[in-house]
All heavy atoms as atom14 arrays in JSON, in Angstrom:
{
  "sequence": "LGVVRGVHVGADGTEVVLTPTYSGCPATEVIAESTRAALEAAGLGP",
  "atom14_mask": [
    [1, 1, 1, 1, 1, 1, 1, 1, 0, 0, 0, 0, 0, 0],
    [1, 1, 1, 1, 0, 0, 0, 0, 0, 0, 0, 0, 0, 0],
    [1, 1, 1, 1, 1, 1, 1, 0, 0, 0, 0, 0, 0, 0],
    [1, 1, 1, 1, 1, 1, 1, 0, 0, 0, 0, 0, 0, 0],
    [1, 1, 1, 1, 1, 1, 1, 1, 1, 1, 1, 0, 0, 0],
    [1, 1, 1, 1, 0, 0, 0, 0, 0, 0, 0, 0, 0, 0],
    [1, 1, 1, 1, 1, 1, 1, 0, 0, 0, 0, 0, 0, 0],
    [1, 1, 1, 1, 1, 1, 1, 1, 1, 1, 0, 0, 0, 0],
    [1, 1, 1, 1, 1, 1, 1, 0, 0, 0, 0, 0, 0, 0],
    [1, 1, 1, 1, 0, 0, 0, 0, 0, 0, 0, 0, 0, 0],
    [1, 1, 1, 1, 1, 0, 0, 0, 0, 0, 0, 0, 0, 0],
    [1, 1, 1, 1, 1, 1, 1, 1, 0, 0, 0, 0, 0, 0],
    [1, 1, 1, 1, 0, 0, 0, 0, 0, 0, 0, 0, 0, 0],
    [1, 1, 1, 1, 1, 1, 1, 0, 0, 0, 0, 0, 0, 0],
    [1, 1, 1, 1, 1, 1, 1, 1, 1, 0, 0, 0, 0, 0],
    [1, 1, 1, 1, 1, 1, 1, 0, 0, 0, 0, 0, 0, 0],
    [1, 1, 1, 1, 1, 1, 1, 0, 0, 0, 0, 0, 0, 0],
    [1, 1, 1, 1, 1, 1, 1, 1, 0, 0, 0, 0, 0, 0],
    [1, 1, 1, 1, 1, 1, 1, 0, 0, 0, 0, 0, 0, 0],
    [1, 1, 1, 1, 1, 1, 1, 0, 0, 0, 0, 0, 0, 0],
    [1, 1, 1, 1, 1, 1, 1, 0, 0, 0, 0, 0, 0, 0],
    [1, 1, 1, 1, 1, 1, 1, 1, 1, 1, 1, 1, 0, 0],
    [1, 1, 1, 1, 1, 1, 0, 0, 0, 0, 0, 0, 0, 0],
    [1, 1, 1, 1, 0, 0, 0, 0, 0, 0, 0, 0, 0, 0],
    [1, 1, 1, 1, 1, 1, 0, 0, 0, 0, 0, 0, 0, 0],
    [1, 1, 1, 1, 1, 1, 1, 0, 0, 0, 0, 0, 0, 0],
    [1, 1, 1, 1, 1, 0, 0, 0, 0, 0, 0, 0, 0, 0],
    [1, 1, 1, 1, 1, 1, 1, 0, 0, 0, 0, 0, 0, 0],
    [1, 1, 1, 1, 1, 1, 1, 1, 1, 0, 0, 0, 0, 0],
    [1, 1, 1, 1, 1, 1, 1, 0, 0, 0, 0, 0, 0, 0],
    [1, 1, 1, 1, 1, 1, 1, 1, 0, 0, 0, 0, 0, 0],
    [1, 1, 1, 1, 1, 0, 0, 0, 0, 0, 0, 0, 0, 0],
    [1, 1, 1, 1, 1, 1, 1, 1, 1, 0, 0, 0, 0, 0],
    [1, 1, 1, 1, 1, 1, 0, 0, 0, 0, 0, 0, 0, 0],
    [1, 1, 1, 1, 1, 1, 1, 0, 0, 0, 0, 0, 0, 0],
    [1, 1, 1, 1, 1, 1, 1, 1, 1, 1, 1, 0, 0, 0],
    [1, 1, 1, 1, 1, 0, 0, 0, 0, 0, 0, 0, 0, 0],
    [1, 1, 1, 1, 1, 0, 0, 0, 0, 0, 0, 0, 0, 0],
    [1, 1, 1, 1, 1, 1, 1, 1, 0, 0, 0, 0, 0, 0],
    [1, 1, 1, 1, 1, 1, 1, 1, 1, 0, 0, 0, 0, 0],
    [1, 1, 1, 1, 1, 0, 0, 0, 0, 0, 0, 0, 0, 0],
    [1, 1, 1, 1, 1, 0, 0, 0, 0, 0, 0, 0, 0, 0],
    [1, 1, 1, 1, 0, 0, 0, 0, 0, 0, 0, 0, 0, 0],
    [1, 1, 1, 1, 1, 1, 1, 1, 0, 0, 0, 0, 0, 0],
    [1, 1, 1, 1, 0, 0, 0, 0, 0, 0, 0, 0, 0, 0],
    [1, 1, 1, 1, 1, 1, 1, 0, 0, 0, 0, 0, 0, 0]
  ],
  "atom14_positions": [
    [[87.72, 121.58, 80.52], [86.49, 121.36, 79.84], [85.4, 121.24, 80.89], [84.16, 121.45, 80.56], [86.53, 120.06, 79.11], [85.37, 119.6, 78.28], [84.9, 120.73, 77.26], [85.67, 118.35, 77.5], [0.0, 0.0, 0.0], [0.0, 0.0, 0.0], [0.0, 0.0, 0.0], [0.0, 0.0, 0.0], [0.0, 0.0, 0.0], [0.0, 0.0, 0.0]],
    [[85.68, 121.02, 82.22], [84.68, 120.86, 83.21], [84.04, 119.58, 83.36], [82.99, 119.4, 84.06], [0.0, 0.0, 0.0], [0.0, 0.0, 0.0], [0.0, 0.0, 0.0], [0.0, 0.0, 0.0], [0.0, 0.0, 0.0], [0.0, 0.0, 0.0], [0.0, 0.0, 0.0], [0.0, 0.0, 0.0], [0.0, 0.0, 0.0], [0.0, 0.0, 0.0]],
    [[84.56, 118.47, 82.74], [83.92, 117.17, 82.92], [84.43, 116.44, 84.2], [83.78, 115.46, 84.62], [84.15, 116.3, 81.67], [83.5, 116.89, 80.44], [85.58, 115.92, 81.52], [0.0, 0.0, 0.0], [0.0, 0.0, 0.0], [0.0, 0.0, 0.0], [0.0, 0.0, 0.0], [0.0, 0.0, 0.0], [0.0, 0.0, 0.0], [0.0, 0.0, 0.0]],
    [[85.59, 116.81, 84.78], [86.0, 116.28, 86.04], [85.21, 116.99, 87.15], [85.48, 118.12, 87.41], [87.54, 116.4, 86.22], [87.89, 115.71, 87.55], [88.26, 115.72, 85.11], [0.0, 0.0, 0.0], [0.0, 0.0, 0.0], [0.0, 0.0, 0.0], [0.0, 0.0, 0.0], [0.0, 0.0, 0.0], [0.0, 0.0, 0.0], [0.0, 0.0, 0.0]],
    [[84.36, 116.18, 87.77], [83.5, 116.88, 88.8], [83.97, 116.65, 90.18], [83.61, 117.36, 91.16], [82.06, 116.36, 88.69], [81.44, 116.5, 87.42], [81.53, 117.98, 86.8], [80.93, 118.94, 87.83], [81.3, 120.24, 87.86], [82.2, 120.69, 87.17], [80.57, 121.02, 88.76], [0.0, 0.0, 0.0], [0.0, 0.0, 0.0], [0.0, 0.0, 0.0]],
    [[84.91, 115.65, 90.41], [85.34, 115.42, 91.73], [86.47, 114.32, 91.73], [86.45, 113.5, 90.9], [0.0, 0.0, 0.0], [0.0, 0.0, 0.0], [0.0, 0.0, 0.0], [0.0, 0.0, 0.0], [0.0, 0.0, 0.0], [0.0, 0.0, 0.0], [0.0, 0.0, 0.0], [0.0, 0.0, 0.0], [0.0, 0.0, 0.0], [0.0, 0.0, 0.0]],
    [[87.31, 114.37, 92.75], [88.36, 113.38, 92.93], [88.44, 113.08, 94.43], [88.34, 114.01, 95.25], [89.66, 113.86, 92.45], [90.86, 112.91, 92.85], [89.83, 114.19, 91.0], [0.0, 0.0, 0.0], [0.0, 0.0, 0.0], [0.0, 0.0, 0.0], [0.0, 0.0, 0.0], [0.0, 0.0, 0.0], [0.0, 0.0, 0.0], [0.0, 0.0, 0.0]],
    [[88.37, 111.81, 94.72], [88.55, 111.34, 96.13], [89.6, 110.31, 96.27], [89.42, 109.24, 95.56], [87.21, 110.91, 96.69], [87.29, 110.33, 98.07], [87.45, 111.15, 99.2], [87.29, 109.06, 98.59], [87.48, 110.45, 100.29], [87.43, 109.11, 99.87], [0.0, 0.0, 0.0], [0.0, 0.0, 0.0], [0.0, 0.0, 0.0], [0.0, 0.0, 0.0]],
    [[90.55, 110.48, 97.06], [91.63, 109.51, 97.39], [91.35, 108.91, 98.65], [91.22, 109.67, 99.73], [93.02, 110.12, 97.2], [94.14, 109.02, 97.52], [93.24, 110.73, 95.79], [0.0, 0.0, 0.0], [0.0, 0.0, 0.0], [0.0, 0.0, 0.0], [0.0, 0.0, 0.0], [0.0, 0.0, 0.0], [0.0, 0.0, 0.0], [0.0, 0.0, 0.0]],
    [[91.28, 107.57, 98.75], [91.08, 106.92, 99.98], [92.01, 105.75, 100.1], [92.89, 105.54, 99.27], [0.0, 0.0, 0.0], [0.0, 0.0, 0.0], [0.0, 0.0, 0.0], [0.0, 0.0, 0.0], [0.0, 0.0, 0.0], [0.0, 0.0, 0.0], [0.0, 0.0, 0.0], [0.0, 0.0, 0.0], [0.0, 0.0, 0.0], [0.0, 0.0, 0.0]],
    [[91.84, 104.96, 101.17], [92.76, 103.92, 101.47], [92.63, 102.8, 100.34], [93.52, 101.99, 100.14], [92.4, 103.32, 102.8], [0.0, 0.0, 0.0], [0.0, 0.0, 0.0], [0.0, 0.0, 0.0], [0.0, 0.0, 0.0], [0.0, 0.0, 0.0], [0.0, 0.0, 0.0], [0.0, 0.0, 0.0], [0.0, 0.0, 0.0], [0.0, 0.0, 0.0]],
    [[91.47, 102.74, 99.71], [91.23, 101.71, 98.68], [91.49, 102.2, 97.25], [91.12, 101.52, 96.27], [89.79, 101.15, 98.83], [88.74, 102.18, 98.67], [89.05, 103.44, 98.75], [87.59, 101.87, 98.39], [0.0, 0.0, 0.0], [0.0, 0.0, 0.0], [0.0, 0.0, 0.0], [0.0, 0.0, 0.0], [0.0, 0.0, 0.0], [0.0, 0.0, 0.0]],
    [[92.13, 103.35, 97.12], [92.42, 103.95, 95.82], [91.83, 105.2, 95.52], [91.49, 105.97, 96.5], [0.0, 0.0, 0.0], [0.0, 0.0, 0.0], [0.0, 0.0, 0.0], [0.0, 0.0, 0.0], [0.0, 0.0, 0.0], [0.0, 0.0, 0.0], [0.0, 0.0, 0.0], [0.0, 0.0, 0.0], [0.0, 0.0, 0.0], [0.0, 0.0, 0.0]],
    [[91.61, 105.52, 94.19], [91.22, 106.89, 93.84], [89.86, 106.75, 93.06], [89.78, 105.84, 92.15], [92.21, 107.54, 93.02], [93.44, 107.62, 93.73], [91.84, 108.95, 92.57], [0.0, 0.0, 0.0], [0.0, 0.0, 0.0], [0.0, 0.0, 0.0], [0.0, 0.0, 0.0], [0.0, 0.0, 0.0], [0.0, 0.0, 0.0], [0.0, 0.0, 0.0]],
    [[88.88, 107.55, 93.38], [87.68, 107.66, 92.6], [87.62, 109.09, 91.94], [87.87, 109.97, 92.56], [86.42, 107.47, 93.49], [85.14, 107.6, 92.68], [83.9, 107.53, 93.55], [83.94, 107.8, 94.76], [82.84, 107.31, 92.88], [0.0, 0.0, 0.0], [0.0, 0.0, 0.0], [0.0, 0.0, 0.0], [0.0, 0.0, 0.0], [0.0, 0.0, 0.0]],
    [[87.28, 109.06, 90.68], [87.15, 110.27, 89.97], [85.74, 110.25, 89.41], [85.28, 109.32, 88.83], [88.22, 110.49, 88.8], [88.16, 109.4, 87.77], [88.09, 111.86, 88.18], [0.0, 0.0, 0.0], [0.0, 0.0, 0.0], [0.0, 0.0, 0.0], [0.0, 0.0, 0.0], [0.0, 0.0, 0.0], [0.0, 0.0, 0.0], [0.0, 0.0, 0.0]],
    [[85.02, 111.41, 89.44], [83.73, 111.61, 88.99], [83.76, 112.42, 87.75], [84.31, 113.52, 87.76], [82.7, 112.18, 90.04], [81.35, 112.32, 89.5], [82.82, 111.38, 91.33], [0.0, 0.0, 0.0], [0.0, 0.0, 0.0], [0.0, 0.0, 0.0], [0.0, 0.0, 0.0], [0.0, 0.0, 0.0], [0.0, 0.0, 0.0], [0.0, 0.0, 0.0]],
    [[83.25, 111.86, 86.68], [83.2, 112.53, 85.36], [81.68, 112.76, 84.98], [80.85, 111.91, 85.14], [83.89, 111.73, 84.24], [85.33, 111.24, 84.5], [85.76, 110.38, 83.35], [86.19, 112.54, 84.56], [0.0, 0.0, 0.0], [0.0, 0.0, 0.0], [0.0, 0.0, 0.0], [0.0, 0.0, 0.0], [0.0, 0.0, 0.0], [0.0, 0.0, 0.0]],
    [[81.42, 113.94, 84.34], [80.16, 114.19, 83.74], [80.37, 114.42, 82.27], [81.04, 115.45, 81.88], [79.54, 115.44, 84.35], [79.26, 115.19, 85.74], [78.23, 115.83, 83.71], [0.0, 0.0, 0.0], [0.0, 0.0, 0.0], [0.0, 0.0, 0.0], [0.0, 0.0, 0.0], [0.0, 0.0, 0.0], [0.0, 0.0, 0.0], [0.0, 0.0, 0.0]],
    [[79.92, 113.54, 81.44], [80.17, 113.7, 80.01], [79.42, 114.93, 79.51], [78.46, 115.42, 80.02], [79.54, 112.43, 79.36], [78.81, 111.76, 80.47], [79.11, 112.32, 81.81], [0.0, 0.0, 0.0], [0.0, 0.0, 0.0], [0.0, 0.0, 0.0], [0.0, 0.0, 0.0], [0.0, 0.0, 0.0], [0.0, 0.0, 0.0], [0.0, 0.0, 0.0]],
    [[79.98, 115.48, 78.41], [79.39, 116.67, 77.85], [77.99, 116.4, 77.35], [77.18, 117.34, 77.41], [80.26, 117.18, 76.7], [80.4, 116.13, 75.61], [81.59, 117.7, 77.13], [0.0, 0.0, 0.0], [0.0, 0.0, 0.0], [0.0, 0.0, 0.0], [0.0, 0.0, 0.0], [0.0, 0.0, 0.0], [0.0, 0.0, 0.0], [0.0, 0.0, 0.0]],
    [[77.65, 115.26, 76.87], [76.31, 114.83, 76.65], [76.27, 113.29, 76.72], [77.3, 112.68, 76.59], [75.67, 115.4, 75.45], [76.18, 114.82, 74.1], [75.51, 113.87, 73.34], [77.46, 115.34, 73.56], [75.91, 113.46, 72.11], [77.91, 114.78, 72.3], [77.05, 113.83, 71.65], [77.63, 113.41, 70.42], [0.0, 0.0, 0.0], [0.0, 0.0, 0.0]],
    [[75.11, 112.8, 77.13], [74.93, 111.32, 77.39], [75.45, 110.36, 76.18], [75.91, 109.29, 76.42], [73.66, 110.92, 77.93], [72.6, 111.25, 76.91], [0.0, 0.0, 0.0], [0.0, 0.0, 0.0], [0.0, 0.0, 0.0], [0.0, 0.0, 0.0], [0.0, 0.0, 0.0], [0.0, 0.0, 0.0], [0.0, 0.0, 0.0], [0.0, 0.0, 0.0]],
    [[75.32, 110.86, 75.0], [75.69, 110.07, 73.83], [77.04, 110.38, 73.32], [77.35, 110.09, 72.25], [0.0, 0.0, 0.0], [0.0, 0.0, 0.0], [0.0, 0.0, 0.0], [0.0, 0.0, 0.0], [0.0, 0.0, 0.0], [0.0, 0.0, 0.0], [0.0, 0.0, 0.0], [0.0, 0.0, 0.0], [0.0, 0.0, 0.0], [0.0, 0.0, 0.0]],
    [[77.91, 111.03, 74.03], [79.26, 111.45, 73.58], [80.02, 110.21, 73.24], [80.17, 109.38, 74.09], [79.94, 112.32, 74.62], [81.66, 112.8, 74.15], [0.0, 0.0, 0.0], [0.0, 0.0, 0.0], [0.0, 0.0, 0.0], [0.0, 0.0, 0.0], [0.0, 0.0, 0.0], [0.0, 0.0, 0.0], [0.0, 0.0, 0.0], [0.0, 0.0, 0.0]],
    [[80.49, 110.06, 71.98], [81.26, 108.93, 71.58], [82.64, 108.86, 72.17], [83.23, 107.72, 72.26], [81.45, 109.12, 70.03], [81.32, 110.6, 69.89], [80.36, 111.07, 70.94], [0.0, 0.0, 0.0], [0.0, 0.0, 0.0], [0.0, 0.0, 0.0], [0.0, 0.0, 0.0], [0.0, 0.0, 0.0], [0.0, 0.0, 0.0], [0.0, 0.0, 0.0]],
    [[83.17, 109.89, 72.79], [84.48, 109.93, 73.5], [84.47, 109.44, 74.95], [85.48, 109.49, 75.61], [85.1, 111.27, 73.32], [0.0, 0.0, 0.0], [0.0, 0.0, 0.0], [0.0, 0.0, 0.0], [0.0, 0.0, 0.0], [0.0, 0.0, 0.0], [0.0, 0.0, 0.0], [0.0, 0.0, 0.0], [0.0, 0.0, 0.0], [0.0, 0.0, 0.0]],
    [[83.26, 109.15, 75.53], [83.11, 108.89, 76.99], [84.05, 107.82, 77.41], [84.68, 107.86, 78.43], [81.67, 108.57, 77.22], [80.86, 109.66, 76.98], [81.49, 108.26, 78.75], [0.0, 0.0, 0.0], [0.0, 0.0, 0.0], [0.0, 0.0, 0.0], [0.0, 0.0, 0.0], [0.0, 0.0, 0.0], [0.0, 0.0, 0.0], [0.0, 0.0, 0.0]],
    [[84.15, 106.64, 76.68], [85.03, 105.5, 77.01], [86.35, 105.93, 76.97], [87.28, 105.51, 77.78], [84.66, 104.32, 76.19], [83.36, 103.66, 76.57], [83.08, 102.46, 75.62], [84.04, 101.68, 75.38], [81.95, 102.28, 75.24], [0.0, 0.0, 0.0], [0.0, 0.0, 0.0], [0.0, 0.0, 0.0], [0.0, 0.0, 0.0], [0.0, 0.0, 0.0]],
    [[86.86, 106.65, 75.89], [88.27, 107.11, 75.71], [88.63, 108.09, 76.89], [89.71, 107.97, 77.45], [88.44, 107.74, 74.34], [89.84, 108.4, 74.23], [88.21, 106.84, 73.27], [0.0, 0.0, 0.0], [0.0, 0.0, 0.0], [0.0, 0.0, 0.0], [0.0, 0.0, 0.0], [0.0, 0.0, 0.0], [0.0, 0.0, 0.0], [0.0, 0.0, 0.0]],
    [[87.75, 108.93, 77.27], [87.94, 109.83, 78.33], [88.18, 109.09, 79.72], [89.19, 109.37, 80.45], [86.89, 110.85, 78.51], [87.02, 111.86, 77.28], [86.94, 111.62, 79.78], [85.8, 112.82, 77.13], [0.0, 0.0, 0.0], [0.0, 0.0, 0.0], [0.0, 0.0, 0.0], [0.0, 0.0, 0.0], [0.0, 0.0, 0.0], [0.0, 0.0, 0.0]],
    [[87.32, 108.18, 79.93], [87.39, 107.21, 81.17], [88.73, 106.53, 81.15], [89.41, 106.5, 82.2], [86.29, 106.27, 81.25], [0.0, 0.0, 0.0], [0.0, 0.0, 0.0], [0.0, 0.0, 0.0], [0.0, 0.0, 0.0], [0.0, 0.0, 0.0], [0.0, 0.0, 0.0], [0.0, 0.0, 0.0], [0.0, 0.0, 0.0], [0.0, 0.0, 0.0]],
    [[89.17, 105.93, 80.07], [90.41, 105.17, 80.03], [91.61, 106.09, 80.11], [92.6, 105.74, 80.86], [90.48, 104.3, 78.75], [89.72, 103.05, 78.81], [90.05, 102.22, 80.02], [91.25, 101.92, 80.31], [89.09, 101.82, 80.73], [0.0, 0.0, 0.0], [0.0, 0.0, 0.0], [0.0, 0.0, 0.0], [0.0, 0.0, 0.0], [0.0, 0.0, 0.0]],
    [[91.57, 107.33, 79.46], [92.7, 108.23, 79.71], [92.72, 108.68, 81.05], [93.92, 108.87, 81.59], [92.5, 109.39, 78.74], [92.44, 109.04, 77.4], [0.0, 0.0, 0.0], [0.0, 0.0, 0.0], [0.0, 0.0, 0.0], [0.0, 0.0, 0.0], [0.0, 0.0, 0.0], [0.0, 0.0, 0.0], [0.0, 0.0, 0.0], [0.0, 0.0, 0.0]],
    [[91.67, 108.91, 81.77], [91.61, 109.43, 83.14], [92.21, 108.37, 83.93], [93.14, 108.53, 84.85], [90.17, 109.76, 83.57], [89.69, 110.74, 82.73], [90.12, 110.02, 85.03], [0.0, 0.0, 0.0], [0.0, 0.0, 0.0], [0.0, 0.0, 0.0], [0.0, 0.0, 0.0], [0.0, 0.0, 0.0], [0.0, 0.0, 0.0], [0.0, 0.0, 0.0]],
    [[91.85, 107.07, 83.85], [92.29, 105.98, 84.58], [93.84, 105.77, 84.41], [94.62, 105.66, 85.35], [91.63, 104.67, 84.2], [92.02, 103.44, 85.01], [91.08, 102.26, 84.65], [89.81, 102.26, 85.2], [88.72, 102.56, 84.33], [88.85, 102.68, 83.03], [87.54, 102.73, 84.9], [0.0, 0.0, 0.0], [0.0, 0.0, 0.0], [0.0, 0.0, 0.0]],
    [[94.32, 105.91, 83.16], [95.79, 105.69, 82.86], [96.54, 106.81, 83.56], [97.69, 106.57, 84.05], [95.94, 105.7, 81.44], [0.0, 0.0, 0.0], [0.0, 0.0, 0.0], [0.0, 0.0, 0.0], [0.0, 0.0, 0.0], [0.0, 0.0, 0.0], [0.0, 0.0, 0.0], [0.0, 0.0, 0.0], [0.0, 0.0, 0.0], [0.0, 0.0, 0.0]],
    [[95.98, 108.02, 83.52], [96.86, 109.15, 83.97], [97.0, 109.08, 85.55], [98.03, 109.28, 86.08], [96.16, 110.47, 83.64], [0.0, 0.0, 0.0], [0.0, 0.0, 0.0], [0.0, 0.0, 0.0], [0.0, 0.0, 0.0], [0.0, 0.0, 0.0], [0.0, 0.0, 0.0], [0.0, 0.0, 0.0], [0.0, 0.0, 0.0], [0.0, 0.0, 0.0]],
    [[95.92, 108.62, 86.21], [95.93, 108.55, 87.69], [96.82, 107.38, 88.08], [97.53, 107.42, 89.1], [94.5, 108.5, 88.2], [93.75, 109.69, 88.11], [92.22, 109.52, 88.47], [94.36, 110.93, 88.83], [0.0, 0.0, 0.0], [0.0, 0.0, 0.0], [0.0, 0.0, 0.0], [0.0, 0.0, 0.0], [0.0, 0.0, 0.0], [0.0, 0.0, 0.0]],
    [[96.75, 106.25, 87.33], [97.6, 105.13, 87.64], [99.05, 105.43, 87.44], [99.86, 105.1, 88.26], [97.1, 103.85, 86.85], [95.8, 103.32, 87.43], [95.28, 102.14, 86.55], [95.82, 101.85, 85.47], [94.23, 101.62, 87.04], [0.0, 0.0, 0.0], [0.0, 0.0, 0.0], [0.0, 0.0, 0.0], [0.0, 0.0, 0.0], [0.0, 0.0, 0.0]],
    [[99.33, 106.18, 86.35], [100.66, 106.65, 86.09], [101.27, 107.49, 87.12], [102.46, 107.56, 87.43], [100.83, 107.28, 84.71], [0.0, 0.0, 0.0], [0.0, 0.0, 0.0], [0.0, 0.0, 0.0], [0.0, 0.0, 0.0], [0.0, 0.0, 0.0], [0.0, 0.0, 0.0], [0.0, 0.0, 0.0], [0.0, 0.0, 0.0], [0.0, 0.0, 0.0]],
    [[100.35, 108.25, 87.9], [100.75, 109.22, 89.0], [100.81, 108.36, 90.27], [101.04, 109.04, 91.32], [99.82, 110.31, 89.03], [0.0, 0.0, 0.0], [0.0, 0.0, 0.0], [0.0, 0.0, 0.0], [0.0, 0.0, 0.0], [0.0, 0.0, 0.0], [0.0, 0.0, 0.0], [0.0, 0.0, 0.0], [0.0, 0.0, 0.0], [0.0, 0.0, 0.0]],
    [[100.65, 107.0, 90.21], [100.75, 106.27, 91.41], [99.58, 106.31, 92.31], [99.62, 106.13, 93.5], [0.0, 0.0, 0.0], [0.0, 0.0, 0.0], [0.0, 0.0, 0.0], [0.0, 0.0, 0.0], [0.0, 0.0, 0.0], [0.0, 0.0, 0.0], [0.0, 0.0, 0.0], [0.0, 0.0, 0.0], [0.0, 0.0, 0.0], [0.0, 0.0, 0.0]],
    [[98.42, 106.57, 91.72], [97.18, 106.8, 92.48], [96.15, 105.71, 92.28], [94.96, 105.82, 92.59], [96.51, 108.1, 92.25], [97.42, 109.35, 92.59], [96.9, 110.58, 91.97], [97.48, 109.52, 94.11], [0.0, 0.0, 0.0], [0.0, 0.0, 0.0], [0.0, 0.0, 0.0], [0.0, 0.0, 0.0], [0.0, 0.0, 0.0], [0.0, 0.0, 0.0]],
    [[96.63, 104.61, 91.91], [95.74, 103.45, 91.54], [95.42, 102.59, 92.92], [96.09, 102.76, 93.89], [0.0, 0.0, 0.0], [0.0, 0.0, 0.0], [0.0, 0.0, 0.0], [0.0, 0.0, 0.0], [0.0, 0.0, 0.0], [0.0, 0.0, 0.0], [0.0, 0.0, 0.0], [0.0, 0.0, 0.0], [0.0, 0.0, 0.0], [0.0, 0.0, 0.0]],
    [[94.56, 101.66, 92.8], [93.57, 101.46, 91.78], [92.51, 102.64, 91.54], [92.28, 103.39, 92.46], [92.88, 100.08, 92.1], [92.86, 100.19, 93.55], [94.19, 100.82, 93.94], [0.0, 0.0, 0.0], [0.0, 0.0, 0.0], [0.0, 0.0, 0.0], [0.0, 0.0, 0.0], [0.0, 0.0, 0.0], [0.0, 0.0, 0.0], [0.0, 0.0, 0.0]]
  ]
}
């Protein structure tokens, strides 16, 4: 979809940058939580 704009893994965990499809997108929170859960499940937390 192109909403994942970047991923950075450092000593303090993983940062992922998301750009929502539009600022009022009702799925923004669900997308952020799904992203967080997938990366933590892959052992890349916090």
